[in-house]
PDB file of N, CA and C in Angstrom:
ATOM      1  N   MET A   1     -43.378 -28.176 -49.116  1.00  0.00           N
ATOM      2  CA  MET A   1     -43.269 -26.728 -49.159  1.00  0.00           C
ATOM      3  C   MET A   1     -44.072 -26.137 -48.007  1.00  0.00           C
ATOM      4  N   THR A   2     -43.571 -25.076 -47.450  1.00  0.00           N
ATOM      5  CA  THR A   2     -44.263 -24.416 -46.351  1.00  0.00           C
ATOM      6  C   THR A   2     -45.411 -23.571 -46.875  1.00  0.00           C
ATOM      7  N   ALA A   3     -46.283 -23.182 -45.983  1.00  0.00           N
ATOM      8  CA  ALA A   3     -47.389 -22.303 -46.347  1.00  0.00           C
ATOM      9  C   ALA A   3     -46.839 -20.948 -46.780  1.00  0.00           C
ATOM     10  N   LEU A   4     -47.585 -20.279 -47.642  1.00  0.00           N
ATOM     11  CA  LEU A   4     -47.161 -19.005 -48.206  1.00  0.00           C
ATOM     12  C   LEU A   4     -48.220 -17.946 -47.964  1.00  0.00           C
ATOM     13  N   THR A   5     -47.863 -16.698 -48.231  1.00  0.00           N
ATOM     14  CA  THR A   5     -48.816 -15.602 -48.205  1.00  0.00           C
ATOM     15  C   THR A   5     -48.370 -14.551 -49.209  1.00  0.00           C
ATOM     16  N   CYS A   6     -49.248 -13.612 -49.492  1.00  0.00           N
ATOM     17  CA  CYS A   6     -48.954 -12.510 -50.402  1.00  0.00           C
ATOM     18  C   CYS A   6     -48.817 -11.234 -49.582  1.00  0.00           C
ATOM     19  N   THR A   7     -47.758 -10.480 -49.816  1.00  0.00           N
ATOM     20  CA  THR A   7     -47.554  -9.246 -49.061  1.00  0.00           C
ATOM     21  C   THR A   7     -48.531  -8.153 -49.477  1.00  0.00           C
ATOM     22  N   GLN A   8     -49.122  -8.258 -50.660  1.00  0.00           N
ATOM     23  CA  GLN A   8     -50.070  -7.255 -51.140  1.00  0.00           C
ATOM     24  C   GLN A   8     -51.521  -7.609 -50.822  1.00  0.00           C
ATOM     25  N   HIS A   9     -51.821  -8.879 -50.753  1.00  0.00           N
ATOM     26  CA  HIS A   9     -53.173  -9.372 -50.459  1.00  0.00           C
ATOM     27  C   HIS A   9     -53.048 -10.442 -49.380  1.00  0.00           C
ATOM     28  N   PRO A  10     -52.847 -10.059 -48.139  1.00  0.00           N
ATOM     29  CA  PRO A  10     -52.564 -11.042 -47.082  1.00  0.00           C
ATOM     30  C   PRO A  10     -53.639 -12.127 -46.974  1.00  0.00           C
ATOM     31  N   GLN A  11     -53.225 -13.348 -47.198  1.00  0.00           N
ATOM     32  CA  GLN A  11     -54.086 -14.509 -47.020  1.00  0.00           C
ATOM     33  C   GLN A  11     -53.211 -15.745 -46.943  1.00  0.00           C
ATOM     34  N   TYR A  12     -53.727 -16.772 -46.331  1.00  0.00           N
ATOM     35  CA  TYR A  12     -53.012 -18.036 -46.171  1.00  0.00           C
ATOM     36  C   TYR A  12     -53.077 -18.810 -47.480  1.00  0.00           C
ATOM     37  N   LEU A  13     -51.929 -19.193 -48.013  1.00  0.00           N
ATOM     38  CA  LEU A  13     -51.835 -20.006 -49.223  1.00  0.00           C
ATOM     39  C   LEU A  13     -51.131 -21.301 -48.827  1.00  0.00           C
ATOM     40  N   SER A  14     -51.855 -22.401 -48.836  1.00  0.00           N
ATOM     41  CA  SER A  14     -51.335 -23.640 -48.249  1.00  0.00           C
ATOM     42  C   SER A  14     -50.260 -24.335 -49.070  1.00  0.00           C
ATOM     43  N   ASP A  15     -50.197 -24.073 -50.381  1.00  0.00           N
ATOM     44  CA  ASP A  15     -49.219 -24.770 -51.215  1.00  0.00           C
ATOM     45  C   ASP A  15     -48.949 -23.988 -52.498  1.00  0.00           C
ATOM     46  N   LEU A  16     -48.092 -24.543 -53.352  1.00  0.00           N
ATOM     47  CA  LEU A  16     -47.743 -23.875 -54.607  1.00  0.00           C
ATOM     48  C   LEU A  16     -48.948 -23.665 -55.503  1.00  0.00           C
ATOM     49  N   GLN A  17     -49.824 -24.649 -55.579  1.00  0.00           N
ATOM     50  CA  GLN A  17     -50.999 -24.511 -56.432  1.00  0.00           C
ATOM     51  C   GLN A  17     -51.835 -23.307 -56.014  1.00  0.00           C
ATOM     52  N   GLU A  18     -52.060 -23.136 -54.722  1.00  0.00           N
ATOM     53  CA  GLU A  18     -52.808 -21.971 -54.242  1.00  0.00           C
ATOM     54  C   GLU A  18     -52.051 -20.681 -54.512  1.00  0.00           C
ATOM     55  N   ALA A  19     -50.735 -20.696 -54.370  1.00  0.00           N
ATOM     56  CA  ALA A  19     -49.940 -19.496 -54.631  1.00  0.00           C
ATOM     57  C   ALA A  19     -50.011 -19.107 -56.106  1.00  0.00           C
ATOM     58  N   ILE A  20     -49.885 -20.079 -57.002  1.00  0.00           N
ATOM     59  CA  ILE A  20     -49.965 -19.790 -58.435  1.00  0.00           C
ATOM     60  C   ILE A  20     -51.369 -19.323 -58.794  1.00  0.00           C
ATOM     61  N   GLU A  21     -52.378 -19.951 -58.231  1.00  0.00           N
ATOM     62  CA  GLU A  21     -53.758 -19.532 -58.481  1.00  0.00           C
ATOM     63  C   GLU A  21     -53.967 -18.094 -58.006  1.00  0.00           C
ATOM     64  N   HIS A  22     -53.397 -17.735 -56.860  1.00  0.00           N
ATOM     65  CA  HIS A  22     -53.498 -16.359 -56.364  1.00  0.00           C
ATOM     66  C   HIS A  22     -52.812 -15.387 -57.326  1.00  0.00           C
ATOM     67  N   ILE A  23     -51.618 -15.743 -57.790  1.00  0.00           N
ATOM     68  CA  ILE A  23     -50.917 -14.884 -58.750  1.00  0.00           C
ATOM     69  C   ILE A  23     -51.753 -14.722 -60.008  1.00  0.00           C
ATOM     70  N   ARG A  24     -52.349 -15.817 -60.488  1.00  0.00           N
ATOM     71  CA  ARG A  24     -53.202 -15.760 -61.684  1.00  0.00           C
ATOM     72  C   ARG A  24     -54.394 -14.842 -61.472  1.00  0.00           C
ATOM     73  N   ALA A  25     -55.035 -14.960 -60.334  1.00  0.00           N
ATOM     74  CA  ALA A  25     -56.261 -14.204 -60.072  1.00  0.00           C
ATOM     75  C   ALA A  25     -56.004 -12.736 -59.742  1.00  0.00           C
ATOM     76  N   CYS A  26     -54.880 -12.440 -59.101  1.00  0.00           N
ATOM     77  CA  CYS A  26     -54.671 -11.084 -58.574  1.00  0.00           C
ATOM     78  C   CYS A  26     -53.523 -10.303 -59.198  1.00  0.00           C
ATOM     79  N   HIS A  27     -52.586 -10.966 -59.857  1.00  0.00           N
ATOM     80  CA  HIS A  27     -51.377 -10.270 -60.283  1.00  0.00           C
ATOM     81  C   HIS A  27     -51.025 -10.409 -61.757  1.00  0.00           C
ATOM     82  N   LEU A  28     -51.297 -11.543 -62.371  1.00  0.00           N
ATOM     83  CA  LEU A  28     -50.818 -11.799 -63.730  1.00  0.00           C
ATOM     84  C   LEU A  28     -51.899 -12.533 -64.520  1.00  0.00           C
ATOM     85  N   SER A  29     -52.737 -11.776 -65.200  1.00  0.00           N
ATOM     86  CA  SER A  29     -53.877 -12.372 -65.903  1.00  0.00           C
ATOM     87  C   SER A  29     -53.461 -13.208 -67.111  1.00  0.00           C
ATOM     88  N   SER A  30     -52.205 -13.125 -67.534  1.00  0.00           N
ATOM     89  CA  SER A  30     -51.756 -13.933 -68.668  1.00  0.00           C
ATOM     90  C   SER A  30     -51.466 -15.384 -68.283  1.00  0.00           C
ATOM     91  N   ILE A  31     -51.597 -15.717 -67.000  1.00  0.00           N
ATOM     92  CA  ILE A  31     -51.501 -17.107 -66.553  1.00  0.00           C
ATOM     93  C   ILE A  31     -52.908 -17.696 -66.595  1.00  0.00           C
ATOM     94  N   THR A  32     -53.033 -18.852 -67.209  1.00  0.00           N
ATOM     95  CA  THR A  32     -54.327 -19.535 -67.224  1.00  0.00           C
ATOM     96  C   THR A  32     -54.123 -21.003 -66.891  1.00  0.00           C
ATOM     97  N   ARG A  33     -55.218 -21.661 -66.607  1.00  0.00           N
ATOM     98  CA  ARG A  33     -55.227 -23.104 -66.397  1.00  0.00           C
ATOM     99  C   ARG A  33     -56.345 -23.663 -67.258  1.00  0.00           C
ATOM    100  N   PRO A  34     -56.262 -24.920 -67.664  1.00  0.00           N
ATOM    101  CA  PRO A  34     -57.260 -25.451 -68.580  1.00  0.00           C
ATOM    102  C   PRO A  34     -58.652 -25.594 -67.960  1.00  0.00           C
ATOM    103  N   TYR A  35     -58.731 -25.976 -66.710  1.00  0.00           N
ATOM    104  CA  TYR A  35     -60.019 -26.200 -66.066  1.00  0.00           C
ATOM    105  C   TYR A  35     -59.933 -25.690 -64.643  1.00  0.00           C
ATOM    106  N   ARG A  36     -60.415 -26.446 -63.704  1.00  0.00           N
ATOM    107  CA  ARG A  36     -60.305 -26.035 -62.300  1.00  0.00           C
ATOM    108  C   ARG A  36     -58.924 -26.415 -61.763  1.00  0.00           C
ATOM    109  N   PRO A  37     -58.508 -25.842 -60.652  1.00  0.00           N
ATOM    110  CA  PRO A  37     -57.171 -26.136 -60.122  1.00  0.00           C
ATOM    111  C   PRO A  37     -56.942 -27.631 -59.927  1.00  0.00           C
ATOM    112  N   GLY A  38     -55.748 -28.073 -60.323  1.00  0.00           N
ATOM    113  CA  GLY A  38     -55.364 -29.463 -60.123  1.00  0.00           C
ATOM    114  C   GLY A  38     -55.698 -30.400 -61.257  1.00  0.00           C
ATOM    115  N   THR A  39     -56.435 -29.945 -62.263  1.00  0.00           N
ATOM    116  CA  THR A  39     -56.773 -30.810 -63.387  1.00  0.00           C
ATOM    117  C   THR A  39     -55.879 -30.484 -64.577  1.00  0.00           C
ATOM    118  N   VAL A  40     -55.725 -31.437 -65.466  1.00  0.00           N
ATOM    119  CA  VAL A  40     -54.877 -31.257 -66.642  1.00  0.00           C
ATOM    120  C   VAL A  40     -55.721 -31.337 -67.907  1.00  0.00           C
ATOM    121  N   ASP A  41     -55.187 -30.767 -68.997  1.00  0.00           N
ATOM    122  CA  ASP A  41     -55.877 -30.860 -70.279  1.00  0.00           C
ATOM    123  C   ASP A  41     -55.459 -32.146 -70.998  1.00  0.00           C
ATOM    124  N   THR A  42     -55.874 -32.310 -72.238  1.00  0.00           N
ATOM    125  CA  THR A  42     -55.577 -33.541 -72.977  1.00  0.00           C
ATOM    126  C   THR A  42     -54.093 -33.703 -73.287  1.00  0.00           C
ATOM    127  N   HIS A  43     -53.317 -32.632 -73.170  1.00  0.00           N
ATOM    128  CA  HIS A  43     -51.868 -32.707 -73.376  1.00  0.00           C
ATOM    129  C   HIS A  43     -51.114 -32.928 -72.070  1.00  0.00           C
ATOM    130  N   GLY A  44     -51.819 -32.947 -70.949  1.00  0.00           N
ATOM    131  CA  GLY A  44     -51.183 -33.128 -69.654  1.00  0.00           C
ATOM    132  C   GLY A  44     -50.716 -31.841 -69.001  1.00  0.00           C
ATOM    133  N   HIS A  45     -51.149 -30.699 -69.536  1.00  0.00           N
ATOM    134  CA  HIS A  45     -50.711 -29.406 -69.005  1.00  0.00           C
ATOM    135  C   HIS A  45     -51.657 -28.907 -67.914  1.00  0.00           C
ATOM    136  N   MET A  46     -51.063 -28.334 -66.864  1.00  0.00           N
ATOM    137  CA  MET A  46     -51.836 -27.748 -65.760  1.00  0.00           C
ATOM    138  C   MET A  46     -51.903 -26.230 -65.848  1.00  0.00           C
ATOM    139  N   TRP A  47     -50.881 -25.600 -66.413  1.00  0.00           N
ATOM    140  CA  TRP A  47     -50.775 -24.144 -66.440  1.00  0.00           C
ATOM    141  C   TRP A  47     -50.265 -23.666 -67.792  1.00  0.00           C
ATOM    142  N   TYR A  48     -50.671 -22.440 -68.150  1.00  0.00           N
ATOM    143  CA  TYR A  48     -50.161 -21.773 -69.341  1.00  0.00           C
ATOM    144  C   TYR A  48     -49.728 -20.364 -68.981  1.00  0.00           C
ATOM    145  N   CYS A  49     -48.661 -19.897 -69.605  1.00  0.00           N
ATOM    146  CA  CYS A  49     -48.245 -18.501 -69.484  1.00  0.00           C
ATOM    147  C   CYS A  49     -48.310 -17.900 -70.882  1.00  0.00           C
ATOM    148  N   TRP A  50     -49.262 -17.003 -71.094  1.00  0.00           N
ATOM    149  CA  TRP A  50     -49.461 -16.383 -72.398  1.00  0.00           C
ATOM    150  C   TRP A  50     -48.589 -15.144 -72.576  1.00  0.00           C
ATOM    151  N   ALA A  51     -47.829 -14.772 -71.558  1.00  0.00           N
ATOM    152  CA  ALA A  51     -46.928 -13.618 -71.661  1.00  0.00           C
ATOM    153  C   ALA A  51     -45.585 -14.009 -72.274  1.00  0.00           C
ATOM    154  N   CYS A  52     -45.311 -15.300 -72.391  1.00  0.00           N
ATOM    155  CA  CYS A  52     -44.004 -15.771 -72.860  1.00  0.00           C
ATOM    156  C   CYS A  52     -44.166 -16.719 -74.042  1.00  0.00           C
ATOM    157  N   GLU A  53     -43.266 -16.607 -75.012  1.00  0.00           N
ATOM    158  CA  GLU A  53     -43.237 -17.557 -76.118  1.00  0.00           C
ATOM    159  C   GLU A  53     -42.483 -18.813 -75.698  1.00  0.00           C
ATOM    160  N   SER A  54     -42.843 -19.922 -76.312  1.00  0.00           N
ATOM    161  CA  SER A  54     -42.120 -21.167 -76.053  1.00  0.00           C
ATOM    162  C   SER A  54     -40.861 -21.219 -76.910  1.00  0.00           C
ATOM    163  N   ARG A  55     -40.026 -22.195 -76.644  1.00  0.00           N
ATOM    164  CA  ARG A  55     -38.804 -22.364 -77.441  1.00  0.00           C
ATOM    165  C   ARG A  55     -39.126 -22.647 -78.906  1.00  0.00           C
ATOM    166  N   SER A  56     -40.286 -23.248 -79.153  1.00  0.00           N
ATOM    167  CA  SER A  56     -40.690 -23.539 -80.534  1.00  0.00           C
ATOM    168  C   SER A  56     -41.509 -22.395 -81.129  1.00  0.00           C
ATOM    169  N   LEU A  57     -41.453 -21.227 -80.492  1.00  0.00           N
ATOM    170  CA  LEU A  57     -42.105 -19.988 -80.934  1.00  0.00           C
ATOM    171  C   LEU A  57     -43.627 -20.041 -80.906  1.00  0.00           C
ATOM    172  N   LYS A  58     -44.193 -20.915 -80.086  1.00  0.00           N
ATOM    173  CA  LYS A  58     -45.634 -20.857 -79.848  1.00  0.00           C
ATOM    174  C   LYS A  58     -45.921 -19.594 -79.052  1.00  0.00           C
ATOM    175  N   ASP A  59     -47.152 -19.135 -79.067  1.00  0.00           N
ATOM    176  CA  ASP A  59     -47.504 -17.880 -78.395  1.00  0.00           C
ATOM    177  C   ASP A  59     -47.714 -18.040 -76.895  1.00  0.00           C
ATOM    178  N   HIS A  60     -47.284 -19.172 -76.335  1.00  0.00           N
ATOM    179  CA  HIS A  60     -47.427 -19.404 -74.898  1.00  0.00           C
ATOM    180  C   HIS A  60     -46.427 -20.462 -74.440  1.00  0.00           C
ATOM    181  N   ARG A  61     -46.264 -20.554 -73.138  1.00  0.00           N
ATOM    182  CA  ARG A  61     -45.501 -21.637 -72.514  1.00  0.00           C
ATOM    183  C   ARG A  61     -46.497 -22.480 -71.735  1.00  0.00           C
ATOM    184  N   SER A  62     -46.325 -23.782 -71.735  1.00  0.00           N
ATOM    185  CA  SER A  62     -47.218 -24.672 -71.000  1.00  0.00           C
ATOM    186  C   SER A  62     -46.410 -25.486 -69.999  1.00  0.00           C
ATOM    187  N   PHE A  63     -47.073 -25.836 -68.886  1.00  0.00           N
ATOM    188  CA  PHE A  63     -46.392 -26.502 -67.779  1.00  0.00           C
ATOM    189  C   PHE A  63     -47.251 -27.637 -67.246  1.00  0.00           C
ATOM    190  N   ASP A  64     -46.605 -28.775 -66.985  1.00  0.00           N
ATOM    191  CA  ASP A  64     -47.304 -29.971 -66.528  1.00  0.00           C
ATOM    192  C   ASP A  64     -47.380 -30.083 -65.010  1.00  0.00           C
ATOM    193  N   LEU A  65     -46.538 -29.356 -64.300  1.00  0.00           N
ATOM    194  CA  LEU A  65     -46.472 -29.450 -62.840  1.00  0.00           C
ATOM    195  C   LEU A  65     -46.502 -28.070 -62.208  1.00  0.00           C
ATOM    196  N   ASN A  66     -47.044 -27.996 -60.996  1.00  0.00           N
ATOM    197  CA  ASN A  66     -47.024 -26.737 -60.252  1.00  0.00           C
ATOM    198  C   ASN A  66     -45.592 -26.250 -60.063  1.00  0.00           C
ATOM    199  N   GLU A  67     -44.683 -27.170 -59.764  1.00  0.00           N
ATOM    200  CA  GLU A  67     -43.289 -26.805 -59.526  1.00  0.00           C
ATOM    201  C   GLU A  67     -42.648 -26.193 -60.767  1.00  0.00           C
ATOM    202  N   ALA A  68     -42.966 -26.719 -61.935  1.00  0.00           N
ATOM    203  CA  ALA A  68     -42.416 -26.174 -63.183  1.00  0.00           C
ATOM    204  C   ALA A  68     -42.950 -24.769 -63.438  1.00  0.00           C
ATOM    205  N   MET A  69     -44.233 -24.561 -63.195  1.00  0.00           N
ATOM    206  CA  MET A  69     -44.807 -23.227 -63.370  1.00  0.00           C
ATOM    207  C   MET A  69     -44.194 -22.255 -62.376  1.00  0.00           C
ATOM    208  N   TRP A  70     -44.013 -22.687 -61.133  1.00  0.00           N
ATOM    209  CA  TRP A  70     -43.423 -21.828 -60.101  1.00  0.00           C
ATOM    210  C   TRP A  70     -42.007 -21.410 -60.498  1.00  0.00           C
ATOM    211  N   GLU A  71     -41.205 -22.355 -60.986  1.00  0.00           N
ATOM    212  CA  GLU A  71     -39.840 -22.028 -61.427  1.00  0.00           C
ATOM    213  C   GLU A  71     -39.866 -21.042 -62.589  1.00  0.00           C
ATOM    214  N   HIS A  72     -40.804 -21.213 -63.512  1.00  0.00           N
ATOM    215  CA  HIS A  72     -40.947 -20.260 -64.620  1.00  0.00           C
ATOM    216  C   HIS A  72     -41.283 -18.869 -64.083  1.00  0.00           C
ATOM    217  N   LEU A  73     -42.238 -18.797 -63.172  1.00  0.00           N
ATOM    218  CA  LEU A  73     -42.616 -17.502 -62.601  1.00  0.00           C
ATOM    219  C   LEU A  73     -41.433 -16.858 -61.883  1.00  0.00           C
ATOM    220  N   ARG A  74     -40.685 -17.645 -61.143  1.00  0.00           N
ATOM    221  CA  ARG A  74     -39.529 -17.106 -60.417  1.00  0.00           C
ATOM    222  C   ARG A  74     -38.438 -16.618 -61.364  1.00  0.00           C
ATOM    223  N   SER A  75     -38.273 -17.263 -62.506  1.00  0.00           N
ATOM    224  CA  SER A  75     -37.203 -16.856 -63.416  1.00  0.00           C
ATOM    225  C   SER A  75     -37.633 -15.775 -64.405  1.00  0.00           C
ATOM    226  N   ARG A  76     -38.881 -15.788 -64.849  1.00  0.00           N
ATOM    227  CA  ARG A  76     -39.320 -14.848 -65.887  1.00  0.00           C
ATOM    228  C   ARG A  76     -40.219 -13.728 -65.378  1.00  0.00           C
ATOM    229  N   HIS A  77     -40.826 -13.903 -64.209  1.00  0.00           N
ATOM    230  CA  HIS A  77     -41.771 -12.913 -63.675  1.00  0.00           C
ATOM    231  C   HIS A  77     -41.453 -12.621 -62.211  1.00  0.00           C
ATOM    232  N   ARG A  78     -40.178 -12.528 -61.904  1.00  0.00           N
ATOM    233  CA  ARG A  78     -39.721 -12.355 -60.519  1.00  0.00           C
ATOM    234  C   ARG A  78     -40.340 -11.131 -59.850  1.00  0.00           C
ATOM    235  N   ASP A  79     -40.507 -10.043 -60.586  1.00  0.00           N
ATOM    236  CA  ASP A  79     -41.069  -8.831 -59.989  1.00  0.00           C
ATOM    237  C   ASP A  79     -42.466  -9.058 -59.430  1.00  0.00           C
ATOM    238  N   ILE A  80     -43.208  -9.961 -60.018  1.00  0.00           N
ATOM    239  CA  ILE A  80     -44.561 -10.273 -59.540  1.00  0.00           C
ATOM    240  C   ILE A  80     -44.511 -11.300 -58.412  1.00  0.00           C
ATOM    241  N   VAL A  81     -43.688 -12.313 -58.563  1.00  0.00           N
ATOM    242  CA  VAL A  81     -43.625 -13.412 -57.599  1.00  0.00           C
ATOM    243  C   VAL A  81     -42.988 -12.990 -56.277  1.00  0.00           C
ATOM    244  N   ASN A  82     -42.222 -11.917 -56.274  1.00  0.00           N
ATOM    245  CA  ASN A  82     -41.571 -11.464 -55.041  1.00  0.00           C
ATOM    246  C   ASN A  82     -42.560 -11.129 -53.931  1.00  0.00           C
ATOM    247  N   CYS A  83     -43.825 -10.915 -54.251  1.00  0.00           N
ATOM    248  CA  CYS A  83     -44.828 -10.624 -53.224  1.00  0.00           C
ATOM    249  C   CYS A  83     -45.262 -11.885 -52.471  1.00  0.00           C
ATOM    250  N   ILE A  84     -44.888 -13.061 -52.956  1.00  0.00           N
ATOM    251  CA  ILE A  84     -45.231 -14.320 -52.289  1.00  0.00           C
ATOM    252  C   ILE A  84     -44.079 -14.706 -51.364  1.00  0.00           C
ATOM    253  N   VAL A  85     -44.370 -14.799 -50.080  1.00  0.00           N
ATOM    254  CA  VAL A  85     -43.345 -15.093 -49.069  1.00  0.00           C
ATOM    255  C   VAL A  85     -43.843 -16.221 -48.167  1.00  0.00           C
ATOM    256  N   PRO A  86     -42.923 -16.881 -47.456  1.00  0.00           N
ATOM    257  CA  PRO A  86     -43.363 -17.885 -46.479  1.00  0.00           C
ATOM    258  C   PRO A  86     -44.302 -17.267 -45.450  1.00  0.00           C
ATOM    259  N   TYR A  87     -45.330 -17.990 -45.100  1.00  0.00           N
ATOM    260  CA  TYR A  87     -46.357 -17.494 -44.183  1.00  0.00           C
ATOM    261  C   TYR A  87     -45.771 -17.043 -42.854  1.00  0.00           C
ATOM    262  N   GLU A  88     -44.824 -17.791 -42.317  1.00  0.00           N
ATOM    263  CA  GLU A  88     -44.276 -17.455 -40.998  1.00  0.00           C
ATOM    264  C   GLU A  88     -43.415 -16.190 -41.031  1.00  0.00           C
ATOM    265  N   ASP A  89     -43.003 -15.734 -42.223  1.00  0.00           N
ATOM    266  CA  ASP A  89     -42.200 -14.514 -42.335  1.00  0.00           C
ATOM    267  C   ASP A  89     -43.048 -13.253 -42.431  1.00  0.00           C
ATOM    268  N   PHE A  90     -44.363 -13.387 -42.437  1.00  0.00           N
ATOM    269  CA  PHE A  90     -45.250 -12.243 -42.644  1.00  0.00           C
ATOM    270  C   PHE A  90     -46.153 -12.095 -41.434  1.00  0.00           C
ATOM    271  N   ASP A  91     -46.084 -10.956 -40.772  1.00  0.00           N
ATOM    272  CA  ASP A  91     -46.782 -10.753 -39.500  1.00  0.00           C
ATOM    273  C   ASP A  91     -48.101 -10.004 -39.598  1.00  0.00           C
ATOM    274  N   GLU A  92     -48.508  -9.542 -40.770  1.00  0.00           N
ATOM    275  CA  GLU A  92     -49.671  -8.664 -40.862  1.00  0.00           C
ATOM    276  C   GLU A  92     -50.990  -9.379 -41.104  1.00  0.00           C
ATOM    277  N   ILE A  93     -51.025 -10.682 -41.018  1.00  0.00           N
ATOM    278  CA  ILE A  93     -52.284 -11.404 -41.263  1.00  0.00           C
ATOM    279  C   ILE A  93     -53.061 -11.504 -39.978  1.00  0.00           C
TER     280      ILE A  93
END
């Protein structure tokens, strides 16, 4: 994946993990992670979305991979994720 940036908070985001962490910190507080970036909990989950129910009606959705969380954000929270663009497409940094 190419480097990314945020159109609202211009900064270099080197990969999906940094982009999701930026969204969590600056745009969508209902996204959490179990520990520090890149670590998993005892269930193998890296990310949680507390804004969405799971298919089994749990009060959250959990994701094992950065790519899975990114796809969830793109499909369910597109209005927020639209601020993340490829770094080379953004000239204001």
